[in-house]
Amino acid sequence: MKTLFRTALLLVCGFPLFACTPHAASDAPYRIEEGTIVFAEPARAEGQCDVLQLRCDPIPVVRVAFIGLGMRGSTAVERFTQLDGVEIVALCDKVPAHVERAQRTLSVHGLPAAQEFTGADDWRRVCELEGVDLIYNCTDWQMHVPIALYAMERGKHVAVEVPAALTVADCWAEQTRRHCMMLENCCYDFFEMTTLNMAREGLFGEIVHVEGAYIHDLRELQFDRRHGYVDMWRLEHNALHTGNPYPTHGLGPLCQLLDIHRGDRMERLVSLSSDQFGMSAYATAKYGAESAEAERPYALGDMNTTLIRTARGKSILIQHDITSPRPYNRLHTISGTKGFAQKYPIRSLAFDPDAHHRLSDEQLDQMLRRYEHPITREIGEKAREVGGHGGMDFIMDYRLVYCLRHGLPLDQDVYDAAEWSSLAELTEASVRNGSMPVAMPDFTRGAWRKVEGFSHAMAE
């Protein structure tokens, strides 16, 4: 798999997960230089160029095949029934009932039935279909890369659920020149989009520091064999790995604000995790103190905190906690030379000359209306009607299809997928080495200055 991926060189990332115990020096995927962990950065192949601002031929009607129809995939099918210029042509899941449910969704909306695939390896057959433009991959983490790679090698564009990867070695890619968008929906949240627009209008001045998080109590889902993650895959991963395995919800919108690989890049990080308490306590309460679930070790610390410094001297704080009984929180904090914004726990805006006090609720609502992003202003009403985490999922799908139909660069490219997802292994390496600094790889191989500033491509 790793050999195939490196040959294909398309920047989505793979899953040969390294063992939970610390690596011996001989097989570590990194080296230590002067107190800093350094991962290998392979040279670009001869004749190969970057894929920044990649444009492909327009696709008037995007023919979509869905692979993985569980929690995320089933709702994605529902959203795609509300999009213009798409045709759902194939449905694939190893659980036949999931395919049947998706077929009912198509029927309810008066759409023709799609081809059905339910074999364990049928995802290969789906990727080989002639009449498919886009593979929409909503499988578990371990299947993201095998499916994405196989599809792109066969000329398909790919949308893949988060995170795109858990290892750095599988994040080096550029050659197939097919689109691969990681489905980071939080980039399309209404508040995040509005603060991005505010930043472009200069309201925050020079943005100096940002904070993001994924704080979401998932204990019930992790330990629910019937209604939780199929085959308990998420719990099994968290039993083996520490660091921050799920950084992209908080990090993605912040990277767009800071123009990461579009004029700036993340250079180094340090990461610290608390010990693990919450999963053992929950397992004890649910199954009993002598149960296998309560007695087994879990590597993932309850709270992980990571600090990142960029090439242009900005700082980023990212947190991860899925085992504590606390309200949902992504932080989304922006601190600049002229102003401040924060979504959680209370939506707040503050600006000079009275930045000591946040705006009143009335003033905040006025500002959010005034600076609403043009995209959400255009599609926001329908997005709220269709739903999907308040509408942001629909906006994400709308933008993906819009860009494919118009032959435009996607909002999130393969470098975003690599940079944001790479924190999984980078943070684990830091944590396992006493919070040692980690040099963050440059997946653009020096091209991060080529594009100046993040923007959403629009048809003329």
Protein backbone atom coordinates (compact mmCIF):
# COMPACT_ATOMS: atom_id res chain seq x y z
CA MET A 1 0.00 0.00 0.00
CA LYS A 2 2.69 2.48 0.96
CA THR A 3 4.68 1.66 -2.17
CA LEU A 4 1.63 2.15 -4.36
CA PHE A 5 0.80 5.41 -2.65
CA ARG A 6 4.26 6.88 -3.00
CA THR A 7 4.26 5.87 -6.67
CA ALA A 8 0.88 7.50 -7.26
CA LEU A 9 2.02 10.58 -5.35
CA LEU A 10 -1.35 12.11 -4.72
CA LEU A 11 -1.41 13.96 -1.49
CA VAL A 12 -3.86 11.98 0.53
CA CYS A 13 -2.48 10.06 3.39
CA GLY A 14 -2.35 6.43 4.44
CA PHE A 15 -2.85 4.27 7.43
CA PRO A 16 -0.04 1.85 8.18
CA LEU A 17 -0.36 2.82 11.83
CA PHE A 18 2.77 2.61 13.93
CA ALA A 19 2.70 0.72 17.19
CA CYS A 20 1.68 2.31 20.45
CA THR A 21 4.94 1.59 22.19
CA PRO A 22 7.79 4.05 21.50
CA HIS A 23 9.77 3.32 18.37
CA ALA A 24 13.26 1.94 18.61
CA ALA A 25 15.71 4.32 17.00
CA SER A 26 16.21 1.93 14.08
CA ASP A 27 12.57 1.89 12.94
CA ALA A 28 11.31 5.30 14.00
CA PRO A 29 9.69 7.25 11.13
CA TYR A 30 11.73 10.28 12.18
CA ARG A 31 15.14 11.30 13.45
CA ILE A 32 16.09 13.62 16.30
CA GLU A 33 18.35 16.55 15.49
CA GLU A 34 19.45 18.95 18.23
CA GLY A 35 16.41 18.22 20.36
CA THR A 36 13.89 18.42 17.52
CA ILE A 37 11.98 15.57 15.89
CA VAL A 38 12.41 15.67 12.11
CA PHE A 39 10.40 13.61 9.65
CA ALA A 40 11.80 12.80 6.22
CA GLU A 41 10.82 15.09 3.34
CA PRO A 42 11.28 13.12 0.11
CA ALA A 43 12.44 15.05 -2.93
CA ARG A 44 9.96 15.81 -5.68
CA ALA A 45 10.21 13.31 -8.53
CA GLU A 46 11.86 14.49 -11.72
CA GLY A 47 9.37 16.14 -14.03
CA GLN A 48 6.77 16.47 -11.30
CA CYS A 49 5.29 19.84 -10.34
CA ASP A 50 3.06 21.04 -7.54
CA VAL A 51 -0.73 20.98 -7.79
CA LEU A 52 -1.48 24.32 -6.15
CA GLN A 53 -4.59 25.89 -7.71
CA LEU A 54 -5.21 22.68 -9.64
CA ARG A 55 -7.86 23.02 -12.35
CA CYS A 56 -9.46 20.08 -14.13
CA ASP A 57 -11.94 19.96 -16.99
CA PRO A 58 -15.44 21.16 -16.04
CA ILE A 59 -18.01 18.44 -15.36
CA PRO A 60 -21.52 19.70 -16.24
CA VAL A 61 -23.23 16.86 -14.33
CA VAL A 62 -21.13 15.28 -11.58
CA ARG A 63 -21.75 11.54 -11.36
CA VAL A 64 -21.19 10.49 -7.75
CA ALA A 65 -20.55 7.12 -6.12
CA PHE A 66 -20.81 6.87 -2.33
CA ILE A 67 -18.65 4.39 -0.44
CA GLY A 68 -19.50 4.04 3.24
CA LEU A 69 -23.14 4.70 4.15
CA GLY A 70 -23.04 4.74 7.93
CA MET A 71 -23.49 7.82 10.09
CA ARG A 72 -21.78 10.28 7.73
CA GLY A 73 -22.42 8.63 4.39
CA SER A 74 -26.18 8.25 4.80
CA THR A 75 -26.67 11.94 5.54
CA ALA A 76 -24.38 12.87 2.64
CA VAL A 77 -26.66 10.99 0.24
CA GLU A 78 -29.63 12.94 1.64
CA ARG A 79 -27.83 16.25 1.04
CA PHE A 80 -26.80 15.35 -2.50
CA THR A 81 -30.46 14.81 -3.44
CA GLN A 82 -30.83 18.57 -2.89
CA LEU A 83 -27.98 19.63 -5.19
CA ASP A 84 -28.28 20.65 -8.82
CA GLY A 85 -25.97 19.17 -11.42
CA VAL A 86 -25.34 15.82 -9.73
CA GLU A 87 -26.35 12.22 -10.39
CA ILE A 88 -26.01 9.54 -7.71
CA VAL A 89 -24.95 6.46 -9.66
CA ALA A 90 -23.59 3.98 -7.10
CA LEU A 91 -24.02 3.09 -3.42
CA CYS A 92 -21.52 0.88 -1.61
CA ASP A 93 -21.39 -0.42 1.96
CA LYS A 94 -20.51 -3.80 3.43
CA VAL A 95 -23.72 -3.60 5.48
CA PRO A 96 -26.59 -4.27 3.03
CA ALA A 97 -29.10 -2.47 5.26
CA HIS A 98 -27.13 0.75 4.82
CA VAL A 99 -27.41 0.48 1.05
CA GLU A 100 -31.13 -0.24 1.30
CA ARG A 101 -31.59 2.85 3.48
CA ALA A 102 -29.77 5.02 0.95
CA GLN A 103 -31.87 3.61 -1.89
CA ARG A 104 -35.00 4.58 0.05
CA THR A 105 -33.62 8.11 0.34
CA LEU A 106 -33.30 8.31 -3.43
CA SER A 107 -36.80 6.93 -3.90
CA VAL A 108 -38.35 9.43 -1.48
CA HIS A 109 -36.87 12.24 -3.57
CA GLY A 110 -38.07 10.75 -6.84
CA LEU A 111 -34.60 9.78 -8.05
CA PRO A 112 -33.69 6.58 -9.85
CA ALA A 113 -32.11 3.74 -7.93
CA ALA A 114 -28.32 3.61 -7.98
CA GLN A 115 -26.16 0.55 -8.60
CA GLU A 116 -25.68 -1.44 -5.38
CA PHE A 117 -22.44 -2.89 -4.00
CA THR A 118 -22.25 -4.75 -0.68
CA GLY A 119 -19.21 -7.01 -0.88
CA ALA A 120 -16.28 -6.39 1.46
CA ASP A 121 -14.04 -5.46 -1.48
CA ASP A 122 -16.72 -4.02 -3.74
CA TRP A 123 -15.28 -0.55 -3.27
CA ARG A 124 -12.73 -1.56 -5.90
CA ARG A 125 -15.48 -2.32 -8.38
CA VAL A 126 -17.07 1.04 -7.67
CA CYS A 127 -13.79 2.86 -8.31
CA GLU A 128 -13.48 0.97 -11.61
CA LEU A 129 -16.89 2.06 -12.92
CA GLU A 130 -16.73 4.04 -16.15
CA GLY A 131 -19.62 6.38 -15.44
CA VAL A 132 -18.30 7.92 -12.20
CA ASP A 133 -16.65 11.33 -11.79
CA LEU A 134 -16.46 11.58 -7.99
CA ILE A 135 -15.91 9.00 -5.26
CA TYR A 136 -17.38 10.24 -1.95
CA ASN A 137 -15.56 8.26 0.74
CA CYS A 138 -17.24 8.07 4.16
CA THR A 139 -15.62 4.89 5.45
CA ASP A 140 -13.68 4.45 8.68
CA TRP A 141 -10.24 6.05 8.96
CA GLN A 142 -8.35 2.93 7.92
CA MET A 143 -10.05 2.80 4.51
CA HIS A 144 -9.69 6.45 3.54
CA VAL A 145 -6.43 6.12 1.67
CA PRO A 146 -6.81 2.70 0.03
CA ILE A 147 -10.08 3.83 -1.56
CA ALA A 148 -8.92 7.34 -2.43
CA LEU A 149 -5.72 6.12 -4.02
CA TYR A 150 -7.38 3.35 -6.00
CA ALA A 151 -10.03 5.78 -7.28
CA MET A 152 -7.59 8.50 -8.32
CA GLU A 153 -5.36 6.06 -10.12
CA ARG A 154 -8.45 5.31 -12.22
CA GLY A 155 -9.12 8.93 -13.06
CA LYS A 156 -11.73 9.72 -10.43
CA HIS A 157 -11.89 12.80 -8.24
CA VAL A 158 -12.23 12.01 -4.53
CA ALA A 159 -13.88 13.54 -1.50
CA VAL A 160 -12.69 11.84 1.69
CA GLU A 161 -13.88 12.14 5.25
CA VAL A 162 -11.63 13.51 8.00
CA PRO A 163 -8.92 12.88 8.89
CA ALA A 164 -7.33 12.08 5.55
CA ALA A 165 -4.33 10.43 7.23
CA LEU A 166 -2.61 9.37 10.40
CA THR A 167 0.95 9.01 9.13
CA VAL A 168 3.34 11.53 7.63
CA ALA A 169 5.05 9.09 5.27
CA ASP A 170 1.84 8.69 3.28
CA CYS A 171 1.22 12.41 2.87
CA TRP A 172 3.56 12.99 -0.07
CA ALA A 173 1.72 13.16 -3.36
CA GLU A 174 1.10 15.20 -6.47
CA GLN A 175 1.18 13.10 -9.61
CA THR A 176 -2.28 11.84 -10.57
CA ARG A 177 -3.58 15.41 -10.94
CA ARG A 178 -7.04 14.45 -9.76
CA HIS A 179 -8.80 16.48 -7.11
CA CYS A 180 -8.85 15.14 -3.57
CA MET A 181 -10.80 17.20 -1.06
CA MET A 182 -10.89 16.31 2.61
CA LEU A 183 -14.44 16.87 3.83
CA GLU A 184 -13.65 19.38 6.56
CA ASN A 185 -17.13 20.73 7.09
CA CYS A 186 -16.24 23.19 9.86
CA CYS A 187 -14.62 25.44 7.27
CA TYR A 188 -18.20 26.15 6.12
CA ASP A 189 -19.75 26.96 9.48
CA PHE A 190 -21.58 30.29 9.30
CA PHE A 191 -19.54 31.92 12.08
CA GLU A 192 -16.24 30.65 10.69
CA MET A 193 -17.12 31.89 7.21
CA THR A 194 -18.13 35.29 8.56
CA THR A 195 -14.95 35.73 10.57
CA LEU A 196 -12.95 34.72 7.49
CA ASN A 197 -14.70 37.51 5.61
CA MET A 198 -14.02 39.91 8.48
CA ALA A 199 -10.35 39.00 8.36
CA ARG A 200 -10.22 39.70 4.63
CA GLU A 201 -11.80 43.09 5.30
CA GLY A 202 -9.07 43.85 7.84
CA LEU A 203 -11.26 44.02 10.95
CA PHE A 204 -8.82 42.02 13.09
CA GLY A 205 -5.71 43.79 11.79
CA GLU A 206 -2.74 41.45 11.66
CA ILE A 207 -3.90 38.10 13.02
CA VAL A 208 -1.30 36.99 15.56
CA HIS A 209 -2.80 34.05 17.45
CA VAL A 210 -5.65 31.60 16.83
CA GLU A 211 -7.16 28.71 18.78
CA GLY A 212 -9.22 25.71 17.74
CA ALA A 213 -10.39 22.47 19.30
CA TYR A 214 -12.39 19.31 19.03
CA ILE A 215 -13.94 18.90 22.47
CA HIS A 216 -16.82 16.47 22.10
CA ASP A 217 -17.93 13.80 24.57
CA LEU A 218 -17.91 10.62 22.47
CA ARG A 219 -17.77 8.07 25.29
CA GLU A 220 -21.23 6.67 24.60
CA LEU A 221 -20.57 6.23 20.87
CA GLN A 222 -17.15 4.71 21.46
CA PHE A 223 -18.49 2.04 23.82
CA ASP A 224 -21.82 1.33 22.06
CA ARG A 225 -21.43 -1.91 20.12
CA ARG A 226 -24.87 -1.66 18.53
CA HIS A 227 -25.26 1.99 17.55
CA GLY A 228 -21.70 3.29 17.75
CA TYR A 229 -18.77 2.95 15.37
CA VAL A 230 -18.81 -0.27 13.33
CA ASP A 231 -16.57 -2.92 14.92
CA MET A 232 -15.61 -0.37 17.60
CA TRP A 233 -12.94 0.97 15.23
CA ARG A 234 -12.58 4.35 16.90
CA LEU A 235 -12.17 2.89 20.38
CA GLU A 236 -9.60 0.43 19.05
CA HIS A 237 -7.59 3.24 17.53
CA ASN A 238 -7.71 5.27 20.73
CA ALA A 239 -6.54 2.28 22.72
CA LEU A 240 -3.31 2.32 20.71
CA HIS A 241 -2.56 5.98 19.99
CA THR A 242 -2.05 9.22 21.86
CA GLY A 243 -1.56 12.79 20.71
CA ASN A 244 -4.33 14.43 18.67
CA PRO A 245 -5.82 11.93 16.19
CA TYR A 246 -8.63 14.27 15.08
CA PRO A 247 -7.29 17.81 14.69
CA THR A 248 -8.94 19.07 11.54
CA HIS A 249 -12.27 20.49 12.79
CA GLY A 250 -10.54 23.13 14.85
CA LEU A 251 -7.46 23.56 12.67
CA GLY A 252 -8.96 23.80 9.18
CA PRO A 253 -10.75 27.17 9.46
CA LEU A 254 -7.72 28.64 11.24
CA CYS A 255 -5.36 27.59 8.45
CA GLN A 256 -7.57 29.37 5.95
CA LEU A 257 -7.47 32.51 8.11
CA LEU A 258 -3.66 32.33 8.28
CA ASP A 259 -3.18 31.55 4.56
CA ILE A 260 -1.34 28.31 5.31
CA HIS A 261 0.60 27.17 2.20
CA ARG A 262 -0.73 30.29 0.56
CA GLY A 263 1.90 32.68 1.89
CA ASP A 264 2.64 31.12 5.28
CA ARG A 265 3.23 27.63 6.60
CA MET A 266 3.22 25.74 9.89
CA GLU A 267 6.87 25.25 10.89
CA ARG A 268 7.02 23.52 14.28
CA LEU A 269 4.86 22.20 17.07
CA VAL A 270 5.00 20.91 20.61
CA SER A 271 2.28 18.67 22.02
CA LEU A 272 1.33 17.56 25.54
CA SER A 273 -1.31 15.07 26.65
CA SER A 274 -2.80 14.42 30.04
CA ASP A 275 -2.95 10.86 31.24
CA GLN A 276 -6.00 8.79 30.40
CA PHE A 277 -8.76 8.67 33.00
CA GLY A 278 -12.11 9.14 31.30
CA MET A 279 -12.41 6.01 29.14
CA SER A 280 -11.46 3.71 32.00
CA ALA A 281 -13.93 5.40 34.33
CA TYR A 282 -16.71 5.19 31.75
CA ALA A 283 -15.95 1.54 30.97
CA THR A 284 -15.99 0.71 34.69
CA ALA A 285 -19.36 2.37 35.16
CA LYS A 286 -20.85 0.71 32.06
CA TYR A 287 -19.38 -2.79 32.18
CA GLY A 288 -18.03 -3.21 35.72
CA ALA A 289 -14.58 -2.87 37.24
CA GLU A 290 -13.50 -6.40 36.28
CA SER A 291 -14.67 -6.20 32.68
CA ALA A 292 -12.23 -6.42 29.79
CA GLU A 293 -13.25 -2.91 28.74
CA ALA A 294 -12.38 -1.49 32.15
CA GLU A 295 -9.12 -3.37 32.56
CA ARG A 296 -7.59 -2.79 29.14
CA PRO A 297 -5.19 0.13 28.64
CA TYR A 298 -6.12 3.16 26.57
CA ALA A 299 -3.27 5.23 25.19
CA LEU A 300 -5.18 8.38 24.27
CA GLY A 301 -4.86 11.06 26.93
CA ASP A 302 -8.07 12.79 27.95
CA MET A 303 -6.84 16.24 26.90
CA ASN A 304 -4.22 17.00 24.28
CA THR A 305 -2.92 20.52 23.78
CA THR A 306 -0.71 21.39 20.82
CA LEU A 307 1.08 24.67 20.08
CA ILE A 308 2.19 25.52 16.53
CA ARG A 309 4.39 28.36 15.24
CA THR A 310 4.21 29.49 11.61
CA ALA A 311 6.96 30.78 9.34
CA ARG A 312 5.59 34.31 9.68
CA GLY A 313 5.57 34.22 13.46
CA LYS A 314 1.91 33.42 14.13
CA SER A 315 0.84 30.96 16.86
CA ILE A 316 -1.87 28.30 16.85
CA LEU A 317 -3.34 26.37 19.80
CA ILE A 318 -5.23 23.13 19.07
CA GLN A 319 -6.94 20.91 21.67
CA HIS A 320 -8.57 17.47 21.57
CA ASP A 321 -10.79 15.88 24.24
CA ILE A 322 -13.45 13.25 23.51
CA THR A 323 -13.69 11.63 26.95
CA SER A 324 -14.66 14.41 29.37
CA PRO A 325 -18.23 15.30 30.40
CA ARG A 326 -18.24 18.86 29.09
CA PRO A 327 -20.11 20.88 26.47
CA TYR A 328 -19.14 20.71 22.81
CA ASN A 329 -16.44 23.24 21.92
CA ARG A 330 -14.31 24.09 18.89
CA LEU A 331 -13.05 27.38 20.37
CA HIS A 332 -12.45 29.18 17.04
CA THR A 333 -10.58 32.07 18.65
CA ILE A 334 -8.98 34.85 16.60
CA SER A 335 -6.69 37.46 18.15
CA GLY A 336 -5.31 40.26 16.02
CA THR A 337 -3.78 43.71 16.37
CA LYS A 338 -7.19 45.39 16.00
CA GLY A 339 -9.77 42.91 17.17
CA PHE A 340 -10.87 39.57 18.59
CA ALA A 341 -13.43 36.87 17.79
CA GLN A 342 -14.46 33.65 19.48
CA LYS A 343 -17.30 31.24 18.80
CA TYR A 344 -17.20 28.99 21.87
CA PRO A 345 -18.32 28.95 24.60
CA ILE A 346 -20.04 32.30 23.85
CA ARG A 347 -20.01 34.02 20.46
CA SER A 348 -17.94 37.14 20.96
CA LEU A 349 -16.49 40.02 18.97
CA ALA A 350 -14.36 42.86 20.34
CA PHE A 351 -12.54 45.66 18.55
CA ASP A 352 -10.40 48.68 19.24
CA PRO A 353 -10.76 51.14 20.86
CA ASP A 354 -12.97 49.26 23.35
CA ALA A 355 -11.60 45.72 23.01
CA HIS A 356 -11.80 45.18 26.79
CA HIS A 357 -15.52 44.56 26.33
CA ARG A 358 -17.20 42.27 23.85
CA LEU A 359 -19.93 43.66 21.67
CA SER A 360 -23.47 43.44 22.98
CA ASP A 361 -25.65 40.69 21.54
CA GLU A 362 -27.44 43.24 19.37
CA GLN A 363 -24.17 44.71 18.09
CA LEU A 364 -22.75 41.24 17.46
CA ASP A 365 -25.78 40.21 15.40
CA GLN A 366 -25.51 43.41 13.38
CA MET A 367 -21.84 42.74 12.63
CA LEU A 368 -22.47 39.12 11.69
CA ARG A 369 -25.19 40.20 9.26
CA ARG A 370 -23.07 43.00 7.82
CA TYR A 371 -20.03 40.81 7.21
CA GLU A 372 -21.73 37.55 6.30
CA HIS A 373 -19.63 35.72 3.74
CA PRO A 374 -20.96 36.02 0.16
CA ILE A 375 -21.19 32.23 -0.16
CA THR A 376 -23.36 31.78 2.92
CA ARG A 377 -25.36 34.83 1.93
CA GLU A 378 -26.08 33.10 -1.38
CA ILE A 379 -26.78 29.55 -0.21
CA GLY A 380 -27.25 29.85 3.55
CA GLU A 381 -31.05 29.77 3.63
CA LYS A 382 -31.24 26.54 1.67
CA ALA A 383 -28.34 25.10 3.69
CA ARG A 384 -30.25 25.65 6.92
CA GLU A 385 -33.30 23.96 5.41
CA VAL A 386 -31.37 20.92 4.18
CA GLY A 387 -29.28 20.73 7.35
CA GLY A 388 -26.15 18.83 8.18
CA HIS A 389 -24.58 20.27 11.33
CA GLY A 390 -26.69 23.39 10.98
CA GLY A 391 -26.14 23.66 7.23
CA MET A 392 -22.37 23.69 6.97
CA ASP A 393 -22.29 20.16 5.51
CA PHE A 394 -24.55 21.24 2.67
CA ILE A 395 -22.44 24.32 1.94
CA MET A 396 -19.37 22.07 1.81
CA ASP A 397 -21.03 19.75 -0.71
CA TYR A 398 -22.39 22.69 -2.69
CA ARG A 399 -18.93 24.20 -3.03
CA LEU A 400 -17.35 20.87 -3.98
CA VAL A 401 -19.87 20.33 -6.78
CA TYR A 402 -19.74 24.00 -7.85
CA CYS A 403 -15.97 23.87 -8.32
CA LEU A 404 -16.06 20.55 -10.17
CA ARG A 405 -18.80 21.76 -12.51
CA HIS A 406 -16.90 24.96 -13.32
CA GLY A 407 -13.41 23.48 -13.52
CA LEU A 408 -12.16 25.57 -10.58
CA PRO A 409 -9.59 24.89 -7.85
CA LEU A 410 -11.26 23.33 -4.82
CA ASP A 411 -11.58 25.26 -1.55
CA GLN A 412 -9.53 22.56 0.19
CA ASP A 413 -6.71 21.00 -1.79
CA VAL A 414 -4.57 17.94 -1.20
CA TYR A 415 -1.98 19.99 0.70
CA ASP A 416 -4.67 21.00 3.20
CA ALA A 417 -5.51 17.31 3.62
CA ALA A 418 -1.89 16.49 4.35
CA GLU A 419 -1.04 19.46 6.58
CA TRP A 420 -4.10 19.25 8.78
CA SER A 421 -4.14 15.45 9.04
CA SER A 422 -0.40 15.12 9.64
CA LEU A 423 -0.88 16.42 13.18
CA ALA A 424 -2.05 12.94 14.14
CA GLU A 425 1.43 11.44 13.90
CA LEU A 426 3.34 14.66 14.60
CA THR A 427 1.57 15.22 17.92
CA GLU A 428 1.95 11.59 18.93
CA ALA A 429 5.68 11.77 18.25
CA SER A 430 5.96 14.88 20.41
CA VAL A 431 3.92 13.43 23.27
CA ARG A 432 5.85 10.14 23.29
CA ASN A 433 9.12 12.05 23.45
CA GLY A 434 8.28 14.24 26.44
CA SER A 435 6.67 17.04 24.39
CA MET A 436 9.76 17.43 22.25
CA PRO A 437 9.47 20.02 19.44
CA VAL A 438 8.62 18.64 16.00
CA ALA A 439 9.65 20.22 12.71
CA MET A 440 6.53 20.19 10.53
CA PRO A 441 7.10 18.88 7.00
CA ASP A 442 6.54 21.19 4.04
CA PHE A 443 4.26 19.12 1.85
CA THR A 444 4.39 21.76 -0.91
CA ARG A 445 8.19 21.28 -1.07
CA GLY A 446 8.86 25.00 -1.03
CA ALA A 447 5.86 26.16 -3.07
CA TRP A 448 3.96 27.62 -0.10
CA ARG A 449 4.87 31.15 -1.18
CA LYS A 450 3.54 30.63 -4.71
CA VAL A 451 -0.09 31.59 -3.90
CA GLU A 452 -0.64 34.72 -1.83
CA GLY A 453 -3.71 34.40 0.36
CA PHE A 454 -6.58 31.94 0.66
CA SER A 455 -9.68 32.57 -1.45
CA HIS A 456 -12.74 30.73 -2.74
CA ALA A 457 -12.61 30.35 -6.52
CA MET A 458 -15.65 31.73 -8.34
CA ALA A 459 -16.82 31.32 -11.93
CA GLU A 460 -16.60 34.46 -14.04
